[in-house]
């Protein structure tokens, strides 16, 4: 019985430590954002994907020597 209580207490403290670490990490992110100012999304995911495909295609054409 005592072992179960100790195990439960350790699990609770582990969960509390994880929660405290998560909150601390979130607070650091908030501080960093406050220092940097507002952030804006310049390009959406689709545009970035298209850019990567175009970049890869050009590099491939350069390497293979196709005209």
PDB file of N, CA and C in Angstrom:
ATOM      1  N   UNK A   1       0.828  -1.189   0.000  1.00  0.00           N
ATOM      2  CA  UNK A   1       0.000   0.000   0.000  1.00  0.00           C
ATOM      3  C   UNK A   1       0.873   1.254   0.000  1.00  0.00           C
ATOM      4  N   UNK A   2       1.903   1.243   0.821  1.00  0.00           N
ATOM      5  CA  UNK A   2       2.778   2.409   0.915  1.00  0.00           C
ATOM      6  C   UNK A   2       3.520   2.642  -0.413  1.00  0.00           C
ATOM      7  N   UNK A   3       3.910   1.540  -1.065  1.00  0.00           N
ATOM      8  CA  UNK A   3       4.603   1.662  -2.352  1.00  0.00           C
ATOM      9  C   UNK A   3       3.696   2.317  -3.392  1.00  0.00           C
ATOM     10  N   UNK A   4       2.418   1.978  -3.377  1.00  0.00           N
ATOM     11  CA  UNK A   4       1.477   2.580  -4.318  1.00  0.00           C
ATOM     12  C   UNK A   4       1.354   4.073  -4.074  1.00  0.00           C
ATOM     13  N   UNK A   5       1.297   4.463  -2.818  1.00  0.00           N
ATOM     14  CA  UNK A   5       1.193   5.877  -2.473  1.00  0.00           C
ATOM     15  C   UNK A   5       2.451   6.618  -2.917  1.00  0.00           C
ATOM     16  N   UNK A   6       3.616   6.039  -2.662  1.00  0.00           N
ATOM     17  CA  UNK A   6       4.860   6.677  -3.075  1.00  0.00           C
ATOM     18  C   UNK A   6       4.955   6.783  -4.593  1.00  0.00           C
ATOM     19  N   UNK A   7       4.552   5.729  -5.293  1.00  0.00           N
ATOM     20  CA  UNK A   7       4.568   5.741  -6.748  1.00  0.00           C
ATOM     21  C   UNK A   7       3.624   6.822  -7.281  1.00  0.00           C
ATOM     22  N   UNK A   8       2.433   6.923  -6.667  1.00  0.00           N
ATOM     23  CA  UNK A   8       1.476   7.943  -7.073  1.00  0.00           C
ATOM     24  C   UNK A   8       2.037   9.339  -6.822  1.00  0.00           C
ATOM     25  N   UNK A   9       2.696   9.515  -5.689  1.00  0.00           N
ATOM     26  CA  UNK A   9       3.290  10.805  -5.354  1.00  0.00           C
ATOM     27  C   UNK A   9       4.394  11.155  -6.346  1.00  0.00           C
ATOM     28  N   UNK A  10       5.253  10.184  -6.706  1.00  0.00           N
ATOM     29  CA  UNK A  10       6.316  10.431  -7.682  1.00  0.00           C
ATOM     30  C   UNK A  10       5.727  10.793  -9.037  1.00  0.00           C
ATOM     31  N   UNK A  11       4.683  10.081  -9.443  1.00  0.00           N
ATOM     32  CA  UNK A  11       4.041  10.358 -10.734  1.00  0.00           C
ATOM     33  C   UNK A  11       3.457  11.764 -10.731  1.00  0.00           C
ATOM     34  N   UNK A  12       2.848  12.146  -9.629  1.00  0.00           N
ATOM     35  CA  UNK A  12       2.251  13.466  -9.534  1.00  0.00           C
ATOM     36  C   UNK A  12       3.328  14.542  -9.603  1.00  0.00           C
ATOM     37  N   UNK A  13       4.424  14.316  -8.885  1.00  0.00           N
ATOM     38  CA  UNK A  13       5.481  15.316  -8.909  1.00  0.00           C
ATOM     39  C   UNK A  13       6.147  15.367 -10.289  1.00  0.00           C
ATOM     40  N   UNK A  14       6.254  14.233 -10.964  1.00  0.00           N
ATOM     41  CA  UNK A  14       6.812  14.227 -12.309  1.00  0.00           C
ATOM     42  C   UNK A  14       5.912  15.016 -13.248  1.00  0.00           C
ATOM     43  N   UNK A  15       4.625  14.776 -13.140  1.00  0.00           N
ATOM     44  CA  UNK A  15       3.675  15.501 -13.978  1.00  0.00           C
ATOM     45  C   UNK A  15       3.722  16.995 -13.664  1.00  0.00           C
ATOM     46  N   UNK A  16       3.841  17.330 -12.404  1.00  0.00           N
ATOM     47  CA  UNK A  16       3.931  18.738 -12.024  1.00  0.00           C
ATOM     48  C   UNK A  16       5.213  19.366 -12.553  1.00  0.00           C
ATOM     49  N   UNK A  17       6.321  18.611 -12.518  1.00  0.00           N
ATOM     50  CA  UNK A  17       7.578  19.142 -13.050  1.00  0.00           C
ATOM     51  C   UNK A  17       7.477  19.364 -14.550  1.00  0.00           C
ATOM     52  N   UNK A  18       6.861  18.418 -15.248  1.00  0.00           N
ATOM     53  CA  UNK A  18       6.677  18.586 -16.689  1.00  0.00           C
ATOM     54  C   UNK A  18       5.821  19.806 -16.986  1.00  0.00           C
ATOM     55  N   UNK A  19       4.758  19.971 -16.219  1.00  0.00           N
ATOM     56  CA  UNK A  19       3.871  21.121 -16.415  1.00  0.00           C
ATOM     57  C   UNK A  19       4.613  22.427 -16.141  1.00  0.00           C
ATOM     58  N   UNK A  20       5.424  22.452 -15.087  1.00  0.00           N
ATOM     59  CA  UNK A  20       6.192  23.656 -14.764  1.00  0.00           C
ATOM     60  C   UNK A  20       7.208  23.955 -15.867  1.00  0.00           C
ATOM     61  N   UNK A  21       7.848  22.926 -16.408  1.00  0.00           N
ATOM     62  CA  UNK A  21       8.811  23.124 -17.495  1.00  0.00           C
ATOM     63  C   UNK A  21       8.106  23.648 -18.739  1.00  0.00           C
ATOM     64  N   UNK A  22       6.916  23.122 -19.020  1.00  0.00           N
ATOM     65  CA  UNK A  22       6.159  23.586 -20.175  1.00  0.00           C
ATOM     66  C   UNK A  22       5.759  25.047 -20.017  1.00  0.00           C
ATOM     67  N   UNK A  23       5.314  25.402 -18.814  1.00  0.00           N
ATOM     68  CA  UNK A  23       4.927  26.788 -18.563  1.00  0.00           C
ATOM     69  C   UNK A  23       6.119  27.728 -18.664  1.00  0.00           C
ATOM     70  N   UNK A  24       7.280  27.284 -18.169  1.00  0.00           N
ATOM     71  CA  UNK A  24       8.484  28.107 -18.255  1.00  0.00           C
ATOM     72  C   UNK A  24       8.891  28.307 -19.710  1.00  0.00           C
ATOM     73  N   UNK A  25       8.801  27.256 -20.513  1.00  0.00           N
ATOM     74  CA  UNK A  25       9.146  27.351 -21.927  1.00  0.00           C
ATOM     75  C   UNK A  25       8.198  28.313 -22.637  1.00  0.00           C
ATOM     76  N   UNK A  26       6.924  28.219 -22.309  1.00  0.00           N
ATOM     77  CA  UNK A  26       5.940  29.104 -22.912  1.00  0.00           C
ATOM     78  C   UNK A  26       6.201  30.555 -22.519  1.00  0.00           C
ATOM     79  N   UNK A  27       6.588  30.779 -21.265  1.00  0.00           N
ATOM     80  CA  UNK A  27       6.900  32.138 -20.801  1.00  0.00           C
ATOM     81  C   UNK A  27       8.108  32.702 -21.537  1.00  0.00           C
ATOM     82  N   UNK A  28       9.127  31.859 -21.770  1.00  0.00           N
ATOM     83  CA  UNK A  28      10.301  32.319 -22.525  1.00  0.00           C
ATOM     84  C   UNK A  28       9.919  32.696 -23.947  1.00  0.00           C
ATOM     85  N   UNK A  29       9.016  31.918 -24.558  1.00  0.00           N
ATOM     86  CA  UNK A  29       8.558  32.241 -25.909  1.00  0.00           C
ATOM     87  C   UNK A  29       7.835  33.589 -25.914  1.00  0.00           C
ATOM     88  N   UNK A  30       7.004  33.809 -24.907  1.00  0.00           N
ATOM     89  CA  UNK A  30       6.283  35.076 -24.817  1.00  0.00           C
ATOM     90  C   UNK A  30       7.252  36.239 -24.677  1.00  0.00           C
ATOM     91  N   UNK A  31       8.292  36.064 -23.849  1.00  0.00           N
ATOM     92  CA  UNK A  31       9.297  37.112 -23.676  1.00  0.00           C
ATOM     93  C   UNK A  31      10.001  37.392 -24.997  1.00  0.00           C
ATOM     94  N   UNK A  32      10.374  36.342 -25.702  1.00  0.00           N
ATOM     95  CA  UNK A  32      11.085  36.492 -26.967  1.00  0.00           C
ATOM     96  C   UNK A  32      10.220  37.239 -27.970  1.00  0.00           C
ATOM     97  N   UNK A  33       8.944  36.900 -28.023  1.00  0.00           N
ATOM     98  CA  UNK A  33       8.032  37.588 -28.940  1.00  0.00           C
ATOM     99  C   UNK A  33       7.905  39.057 -28.580  1.00  0.00           C
ATOM    100  N   UNK A  34       7.866  39.353 -27.301  1.00  0.00           N
ATOM    101  CA  UNK A  34       7.738  40.744 -26.859  1.00  0.00           C
ATOM    102  C   UNK A  34       8.972  41.539 -27.269  1.00  0.00           C
ATOM    103  N   UNK A  35      10.142  40.917 -27.205  1.00  0.00           N
ATOM    104  CA  UNK A  35      11.372  41.602 -27.595  1.00  0.00           C
ATOM    105  C   UNK A  35      11.422  41.837 -29.097  1.00  0.00           C
ATOM    106  N   UNK A  36      10.956  40.888 -29.871  1.00  0.00           N
ATOM    107  CA  UNK A  36      11.030  40.976 -31.323  1.00  0.00           C
ATOM    108  C   UNK A  36       9.959  41.877 -31.906  1.00  0.00           C
ATOM    109  N   UNK A  37       8.898  42.094 -31.206  1.00  0.00           N
ATOM    110  CA  UNK A  37       7.780  42.849 -31.745  1.00  0.00           C
ATOM    111  C   UNK A  37       6.808  41.923 -32.443  1.00  0.00           C
ATOM    112  N   UNK A  38       5.952  42.509 -33.263  1.00  0.00           N
ATOM    113  CA  UNK A  38       4.959  41.701 -33.969  1.00  0.00           C
ATOM    114  C   UNK A  38       5.611  40.919 -35.097  1.00  0.00           C
ATOM    115  N   UNK A  39       5.093  39.739 -35.346  1.00  0.00           N
ATOM    116  CA  UNK A  39       5.577  38.933 -36.466  1.00  0.00           C
ATOM    117  C   UNK A  39       4.452  38.806 -37.481  1.00  0.00           C
ATOM    118  N   UNK A  40       4.831  38.762 -38.747  1.00  0.00           N
ATOM    119  CA  UNK A  40       3.872  38.664 -39.830  1.00  0.00           C
ATOM    120  C   UNK A  40       4.219  37.459 -40.699  1.00  0.00           C
ATOM    121  N   UNK A  41       3.206  36.798 -41.171  1.00  0.00           N
ATOM    122  CA  UNK A  41       3.396  35.684 -42.085  1.00  0.00           C
ATOM    123  C   UNK A  41       3.553  36.263 -43.482  1.00  0.00           C
ATOM    124  N   UNK A  42       4.771  36.156 -44.038  1.00  0.00           N
ATOM    125  CA  UNK A  42       5.034  36.746 -45.346  1.00  0.00           C
ATOM    126  C   UNK A  42       4.563  35.840 -46.463  1.00  0.00           C
ATOM    127  N   UNK A  43       4.849  34.548 -46.364  1.00  0.00           N
ATOM    128  CA  UNK A  43       4.483  33.611 -47.412  1.00  0.00           C
ATOM    129  C   UNK A  43       3.761  32.428 -46.777  1.00  0.00           C
ATOM    130  N   UNK A  44       2.682  31.998 -47.411  1.00  0.00           N
ATOM    131  CA  UNK A  44       1.964  30.854 -46.871  1.00  0.00           C
ATOM    132  C   UNK A  44       2.666  29.561 -47.248  1.00  0.00           C
ATOM    133  N   UNK A  45       2.185  28.469 -46.737  1.00  0.00           N
ATOM    134  CA  UNK A  45       2.811  27.163 -46.932  1.00  0.00           C
ATOM    135  C   UNK A  45       2.841  26.765 -48.409  1.00  0.00           C
ATOM    136  N   UNK A  46       1.781  27.035 -49.131  1.00  0.00           N
ATOM    137  CA  UNK A  46       1.703  26.696 -50.555  1.00  0.00           C
ATOM    138  C   UNK A  46       2.779  27.442 -51.349  1.00  0.00           C
ATOM    139  N   UNK A  47       2.933  28.719 -51.089  1.00  0.00           N
ATOM    140  CA  UNK A  47       3.932  29.515 -51.801  1.00  0.00           C
ATOM    141  C   UNK A  47       5.344  29.015 -51.507  1.00  0.00           C
ATOM    142  N   UNK A  48       5.623  28.669 -50.252  1.00  0.00           N
ATOM    143  CA  UNK A  48       6.950  28.147 -49.896  1.00  0.00           C
ATOM    144  C   UNK A  48       7.213  26.818 -50.592  1.00  0.00           C
ATOM    145  N   UNK A  49       6.199  25.963 -50.683  1.00  0.00           N
ATOM    146  CA  UNK A  49       6.356  24.682 -51.376  1.00  0.00           C
ATOM    147  C   UNK A  49       6.664  24.909 -52.855  1.00  0.00           C
ATOM    148  N   UNK A  50       5.924  25.809 -53.501  1.00  0.00           N
ATOM    149  CA  UNK A  50       6.174  26.113 -54.904  1.00  0.00           C
ATOM    150  C   UNK A  50       7.598  26.636 -55.102  1.00  0.00           C
ATOM    151  N   UNK A  51       8.040  27.464 -54.202  1.00  0.00           N
ATOM    152  CA  UNK A  51       9.387  28.022 -54.285  1.00  0.00           C
ATOM    153  C   UNK A  51      10.441  26.912 -54.177  1.00  0.00           C
ATOM    154  N   UNK A  52      10.241  25.980 -53.249  1.00  0.00           N
ATOM    155  CA  UNK A  52      11.189  24.871 -53.102  1.00  0.00           C
ATOM    156  C   UNK A  52      11.232  24.007 -54.356  1.00  0.00           C
ATOM    157  N   UNK A  53      10.077  23.732 -54.961  1.00  0.00           N
ATOM    158  CA  UNK A  53      10.027  22.926 -56.175  1.00  0.00           C
ATOM    159  C   UNK A  53      10.758  23.645 -57.307  1.00  0.00           C
ATOM    160  N   UNK A  54      10.511  24.933 -57.460  1.00  0.00           N
ATOM    161  CA  UNK A  54      11.171  25.707 -58.510  1.00  0.00           C
ATOM    162  C   UNK A  54      12.685  25.725 -58.290  1.00  0.00           C
ATOM    163  N   UNK A  55      13.105  25.969 -57.060  1.00  0.00           N
ATOM    164  CA  UNK A  55      14.530  25.996 -56.724  1.00  0.00           C
ATOM    165  C   UNK A  55      15.179  24.647 -57.035  1.00  0.00           C
ATOM    166  N   UNK A  56      14.528  23.567 -56.629  1.00  0.00           N
ATOM    167  CA  UNK A  56      15.067  22.221 -56.880  1.00  0.00           C
ATOM    168  C   UNK A  56      15.145  21.931 -58.368  1.00  0.00           C
ATOM    169  N   UNK A  57      14.138  22.350 -59.124  1.00  0.00           N
ATOM    170  CA  UNK A  57      14.130  22.114 -60.569  1.00  0.00           C
ATOM    171  C   UNK A  57      15.284  22.848 -61.242  1.00  0.00           C
ATOM    172  N   UNK A  58      15.511  24.092 -60.874  1.00  0.00           N
ATOM    173  CA  UNK A  58      16.598  24.871 -61.466  1.00  0.00           C
ATOM    174  C   UNK A  58      17.938  24.236 -61.139  1.00  0.00           C
ATOM    175  N   UNK A  59      18.139  23.844 -59.902  1.00  0.00           N
ATOM    176  CA  UNK A  59      19.402  23.214 -59.504  1.00  0.00           C
ATOM    177  C   UNK A  59      19.604  21.912 -60.281  1.00  0.00           C
ATOM    178  N   UNK A  60      18.551  21.116 -60.411  1.00  0.00           N
ATOM    179  CA  UNK A  60      18.643  19.861 -61.151  1.00  0.00           C
ATOM    180  C   UNK A  60      19.009  20.105 -62.622  1.00  0.00           C
ATOM    181  N   UNK A  61      18.384  21.101 -63.228  1.00  0.00           N
ATOM    182  CA  UNK A  61      18.703  21.426 -64.620  1.00  0.00           C
ATOM    183  C   UNK A  61      20.152  21.901 -64.771  1.00  0.00           C
ATOM    184  N   UNK A  62      20.641  22.682 -63.814  1.00  0.00           N
ATOM    185  CA  UNK A  62      22.022  23.148 -63.853  1.00  0.00           C
ATOM    186  C   UNK A  62      22.987  21.979 -63.740  1.00  0.00           C
ATOM    187  N   UNK A  63      22.714  21.073 -62.819  1.00  0.00           N
ATOM    188  CA  UNK A  63      23.592  19.930 -62.582  1.00  0.00           C
ATOM    189  C   UNK A  63      23.612  18.992 -63.790  1.00  0.00           C
ATOM    190  N   UNK A  64      22.469  18.740 -64.385  1.00  0.00           N
ATOM    191  CA  UNK A  64      22.397  17.782 -65.497  1.00  0.00           C
ATOM    192  C   UNK A  64      22.801  18.418 -66.811  1.00  0.00           C
ATOM    193  N   UNK A  65      22.813  19.737 -66.879  1.00  0.00           N
ATOM    194  CA  UNK A  65      23.243  20.415 -68.097  1.00  0.00           C
ATOM    195  C   UNK A  65      22.204  20.475 -69.186  1.00  0.00           C
ATOM    196  N   UNK A  66      20.941  20.272 -68.864  1.00  0.00           N
ATOM    197  CA  UNK A  66      19.872  20.341 -69.877  1.00  0.00           C
ATOM    198  C   UNK A  66      19.663  21.792 -70.289  1.00  0.00           C
ATOM    199  N   UNK A  67      19.271  21.953 -71.548  1.00  0.00           N
ATOM    200  CA  UNK A  67      19.015  23.306 -72.058  1.00  0.00           C
ATOM    201  C   UNK A  67      17.605  23.461 -72.476  1.00  0.00           C
TER     202      UNK A  67
END
